[in-house]
Every structure is written in structure tokens, then in C-alpha cells.
C-alpha atoms as a PDB file:
ATOM      1  CA  UNK A   1       0.000   0.000   0.000  1.00  0.00           C
ATOM      2  CA  UNK A   2       1.339   3.436  -0.869  1.00  0.00           C
ATOM      3  CA  UNK A   3       0.026   6.995  -0.795  1.00  0.00           C
ATOM      4  CA  UNK A   4      -0.349   9.475  -3.593  1.00  0.00           C
ATOM      5  CA  UNK A   5      -1.723  12.916  -2.919  1.00  0.00           C
ATOM      6  CA  UNK A   6      -1.989  16.300  -4.570  1.00  0.00           C
ATOM      7  CA  UNK A   7      -0.364  19.081  -2.609  1.00  0.00           C
ATOM      8  CA  UNK A   8      -2.338  22.327  -2.820  1.00  0.00           C
ATOM      9  CA  UNK A   9       0.730  24.436  -1.972  1.00  0.00           C
ATOM     10  CA  UNK A  10       2.639  23.373  -5.083  1.00  0.00           C
ATOM     11  CA  UNK A  11       1.889  26.620  -6.947  1.00  0.00           C
ATOM     12  CA  UNK A  12       3.247  28.697  -4.077  1.00  0.00           C
ATOM     13  CA  UNK A  13       6.347  26.497  -3.825  1.00  0.00           C
ATOM     14  CA  UNK A  14       6.848  26.601  -7.612  1.00  0.00           C
ATOM     15  CA  UNK A  15       6.876  30.414  -7.498  1.00  0.00           C
ATOM     16  CA  UNK A  16       9.468  30.275  -4.716  1.00  0.00           C
ATOM     17  CA  UNK A  17      11.684  27.997  -6.823  1.00  0.00           C
ATOM     18  CA  UNK A  18      11.461  30.307  -9.847  1.00  0.00           C
ATOM     19  CA  UNK A  19      12.378  33.327  -7.721  1.00  0.00           C
ATOM     20  CA  UNK A  20      15.264  31.671  -5.832  1.00  0.00           C
ATOM     21  CA  UNK A  21      18.591  31.395  -7.637  1.00  0.00           C
ATOM     22  CA  UNK A  22      20.833  28.399  -7.019  1.00  0.00           C
ATOM     23  CA  UNK A  23      18.157  25.774  -6.337  1.00  0.00           C
ATOM     24  CA  UNK A  24      18.772  22.462  -8.090  1.00  0.00           C
ATOM     25  CA  UNK A  25      16.673  19.310  -8.390  1.00  0.00           C
ATOM     26  CA  UNK A  26      18.693  17.547  -5.668  1.00  0.00           C
ATOM     27  CA  UNK A  27      17.732  20.295  -3.196  1.00  0.00           C
ATOM     28  CA  UNK A  28      14.027  19.779  -3.869  1.00  0.00           C
ATOM     29  CA  UNK A  29      14.415  15.990  -3.751  1.00  0.00           C
ATOM     30  CA  UNK A  30      16.188  16.133  -0.389  1.00  0.00           C
ATOM     31  CA  UNK A  31      13.591  18.493   1.086  1.00  0.00           C
ATOM     32  CA  UNK A  32      10.692  16.360  -0.148  1.00  0.00           C
ATOM     33  CA  UNK A  33      12.335  13.172   1.150  1.00  0.00           C
ATOM     34  CA  UNK A  34      12.682  14.772   4.604  1.00  0.00           C
ATOM     35  CA  UNK A  35       9.032  15.750   4.461  1.00  0.00           C
ATOM     36  CA  UNK A  36       8.124  12.170   3.541  1.00  0.00           C
ATOM     37  CA  UNK A  37      10.174  10.797   6.432  1.00  0.00           C
ATOM     38  CA  UNK A  38       8.370  13.119   8.846  1.00  0.00           C
ATOM     39  CA  UNK A  39       4.953  12.134   7.514  1.00  0.00           C
ATOM     40  CA  UNK A  40       5.833   8.441   7.734  1.00  0.00           C
ATOM     41  CA  UNK A  41       6.926   8.908  11.351  1.00  0.00           C
ATOM     42  CA  UNK A  42       3.494  10.319  12.173  1.00  0.00           C
ATOM     43  CA  UNK A  43       1.816   7.532  10.211  1.00  0.00           C
ATOM     44  CA  UNK A  44       3.733   4.777  12.014  1.00  0.00           C
ATOM     45  CA  UNK A  45       2.701   6.227  15.383  1.00  0.00           C
ATOM     46  CA  UNK A  46      -0.915   6.016  14.185  1.00  0.00           C
ATOM     47  CA  UNK A  47      -0.584   2.465  12.832  1.00  0.00           C
ATOM     48  CA  UNK A  48      -2.326  -0.068  15.081  1.00  0.00           C
ATOM     49  CA  UNK A  49       0.099  -1.624  17.574  1.00  0.00           C
ATOM     50  CA  UNK A  50      -1.599  -5.009  17.215  1.00  0.00           C
ATOM     51  CA  UNK A  51      -0.195  -4.973  13.673  1.00  0.00           C
ATOM     52  CA  UNK A  52       3.521  -4.717  14.579  1.00  0.00           C
ATOM     53  CA  UNK A  53       4.765  -6.289  11.301  1.00  0.00           C
ATOM     54  CA  UNK A  54       2.767  -3.610   9.502  1.00  0.00           C
ATOM     55  CA  UNK A  55       4.509  -0.831  11.446  1.00  0.00           C
ATOM     56  CA  UNK A  56       7.895  -2.372  10.700  1.00  0.00           C
ATOM     57  CA  UNK A  57       7.140  -2.498   6.962  1.00  0.00           C
ATOM     58  CA  UNK A  58       6.774   1.310   6.660  1.00  0.00           C
ATOM     59  CA  UNK A  59       9.245   2.968   4.325  1.00  0.00           C
ATOM     60  CA  UNK A  60       9.853   6.044   2.210  1.00  0.00           C
ATOM     61  CA  UNK A  61      11.251   5.454  -1.258  1.00  0.00           C
ATOM     62  CA  UNK A  62      14.026   7.649  -2.599  1.00  0.00           C
ATOM     63  CA  UNK A  63      12.847  10.668  -4.608  1.00  0.00           C
ATOM     64  CA  UNK A  64      12.552  10.538  -8.375  1.00  0.00           C
ATOM     65  CA  UNK A  65      12.267  13.519 -10.669  1.00  0.00           C
ATOM     66  CA  UNK A  66      10.784  13.143 -14.131  1.00  0.00           C
ATOM     67  CA  UNK A  67       9.709  15.957 -16.456  1.00  0.00           C
ATOM     68  CA  UNK A  68       9.957  18.540 -13.691  1.00  0.00           C
ATOM     69  CA  UNK A  69       7.897  16.600 -11.158  1.00  0.00           C
ATOM     70  CA  UNK A  70       9.539  15.204  -8.030  1.00  0.00           C
ATOM     71  CA  UNK A  71       7.862  12.234  -6.376  1.00  0.00           C
ATOM     72  CA  UNK A  72       8.426  10.529  -3.041  1.00  0.00           C
ATOM     73  CA  UNK A  73       6.423   7.368  -2.309  1.00  0.00           C
ATOM     74  CA  UNK A  74       5.355   6.498   1.247  1.00  0.00           C
ATOM     75  CA  UNK A  75       4.525   2.815   1.522  1.00  0.00           C
ATOM     76  CA  UNK A  76       3.742  -0.116   3.786  1.00  0.00           C
ATOM     77  CA  UNK A  77       5.086  -3.426   2.570  1.00  0.00           C
ATOM     78  CA  UNK A  78       2.543  -5.977   3.750  1.00  0.00           C
ATOM     79  CA  UNK A  79      -0.288  -7.590   1.813  1.00  0.00           C
ATOM     80  CA  UNK A  80      -2.834  -6.617   4.447  1.00  0.00           C
ATOM     81  CA  UNK A  81      -1.882  -2.935   4.916  1.00  0.00           C
ATOM     82  CA  UNK A  82      -4.753  -1.681   2.784  1.00  0.00           C
ATOM     83  CA  UNK A  83      -7.294  -3.663   4.838  1.00  0.00           C
ATOM     84  CA  UNK A  84      -6.041  -2.348   8.177  1.00  0.00           C
ATOM     85  CA  UNK A  85      -5.957   1.156   6.689  1.00  0.00           C
ATOM     86  CA  UNK A  86      -9.422   1.097   5.128  1.00  0.00           C
ATOM     87  CA  UNK A  87     -11.620  -0.877   7.552  1.00  0.00           C
ATOM     88  CA  UNK A  88     -13.105   1.846   9.716  1.00  0.00           C
ATOM     89  CA  UNK A  89     -15.129  -0.500  11.920  1.00  0.00           C
ATOM     90  CA  UNK A  90     -12.124  -2.318  13.417  1.00  0.00           C
ATOM     91  CA  UNK A  91     -11.204  -1.486  17.002  1.00  0.00           C
ATOM     92  CA  UNK A  92      -7.544  -0.998  17.938  1.00  0.00           C
ATOM     93  CA  UNK A  93      -6.422  -0.220  21.505  1.00  0.00           C
ATOM     94  CA  UNK A  94      -3.573   1.844  20.050  1.00  0.00           C
ATOM     95  CA  UNK A  95      -3.640   3.230  16.524  1.00  0.00           C
ATOM     96  CA  UNK A  96      -6.409   3.665  14.024  1.00  0.00           C
ATOM     97  CA  UNK A  97      -7.624   3.181  10.479  1.00  0.00           C
ATOM     98  CA  UNK A  98      -6.545   5.739   7.856  1.00  0.00           C
ATOM     99  CA  UNK A  99      -3.138   5.969   9.576  1.00  0.00           C
ATOM    100  CA  UNK A 100      -1.289   7.000   6.399  1.00  0.00           C
ATOM    101  CA  UNK A 101      -3.988   9.146   4.821  1.00  0.00           C
ATOM    102  CA  UNK A 102      -4.551  11.150   7.995  1.00  0.00           C
ATOM    103  CA  UNK A 103      -0.798  11.731   8.449  1.00  0.00           C
ATOM    104  CA  UNK A 104      -0.477  13.004   4.880  1.00  0.00           C
ATOM    105  CA  UNK A 105      -3.473  15.316   5.232  1.00  0.00           C
ATOM    106  CA  UNK A 106      -2.401  16.666   8.620  1.00  0.00           C
ATOM    107  CA  UNK A 107       1.154  17.349   7.439  1.00  0.00           C
ATOM    108  CA  UNK A 108       0.106  19.025   4.172  1.00  0.00           C
ATOM    109  CA  UNK A 109      -0.691  22.144   6.188  1.00  0.00           C
ATOM    110  CA  UNK A 110       2.434  24.275   6.311  1.00  0.00           C
ATOM    111  CA  UNK A 111       4.339  22.103   3.857  1.00  0.00           C
ATOM    112  CA  UNK A 112       5.214  25.020   1.564  1.00  0.00           C
ATOM    113  CA  UNK A 113       6.940  26.825   4.406  1.00  0.00           C
ATOM    114  CA  UNK A 114       8.807  23.740   5.608  1.00  0.00           C
ATOM    115  CA  UNK A 115       9.947  22.880   2.090  1.00  0.00           C
ATOM    116  CA  UNK A 116      11.069  26.460   1.498  1.00  0.00           C
ATOM    117  CA  UNK A 117      13.114  26.466   4.747  1.00  0.00           C
ATOM    118  CA  UNK A 118      14.704  23.124   3.917  1.00  0.00           C
ATOM    119  CA  UNK A 119      15.711  24.233   0.432  1.00  0.00           C
ATOM    120  CA  UNK A 120      17.088  27.556   1.715  1.00  0.00           C
ATOM    121  CA  UNK A 121      19.077  25.693   4.383  1.00  0.00           C
ATOM    122  CA  UNK A 122      20.590  23.454   1.709  1.00  0.00           C
ATOM    123  CA  UNK A 123      21.588  26.227  -0.672  1.00  0.00           C
ATOM    124  CA  UNK A 124      22.884  28.332   2.216  1.00  0.00           C
ATOM    125  CA  UNK A 125      25.340  25.575   3.144  1.00  0.00           C
ATOM    126  CA  UNK A 126      27.076  25.612  -0.223  1.00  0.00           C
END
């Protein structure tokens, strides 16, 4: 199971990139990968504890840039991840359904600012 989402702040971030000299694809990839790692950390904390192998299967794939679009995939590597994620009627003492989706949605707020700071930090270190 993996997540794909559309980020509403992409237009704002795209303007920032156009107006900021010295930014290269690797800077954006690194910033987006960090963002993905943070989101996955939140998601794992929301993953039901009774599904420990599911928690352990969480991973963030390395960024890929094609035709000007950078993608980072957040994924769980078990066959049953989608069922645990989607069945809203299951009870879990710790954790919940929609553990990945809710982490992505909650972390989308403020993402433009975090990405901008990460990119500026990277180009400032050169």
C-alpha cells in the first residue's frame, strides 16, 4: 500500500523555486524526502500496535524527478496494509484506520513553508 496525494501548496512552492537562484533538483528531492520521512513517522505512530509487522514495513522510497515533477512514495510493505488502513469499523487499543492518509493530510498544512526552509538551508550551506 502506498500513498499518492496532490499538494495544494505546489503553486506557491513553484513560485518560490522560480524566484530563488541556485536551487537544483537535488535540493528539492532532499527536502521532499525529509518531508516524507516526517509524515511516515506520524503515520507509524498512528498504525495499530496489534499490527507490529505492519509498522515495521513502513518505508519512504528515494525521490525521483521526471519531467519537472519530483515524487516521493510512502509505503507499507505488507499484503494486508490496505485492509487495516481502510476498515473503519475495526477497534484498535492503540492506533487507528486511515493511519497514512490522515498523516499526509495533517502534514500538508504548512508544507510550503517547511519545504522552502529546507531548500534555503541546503543552498545556504554551499
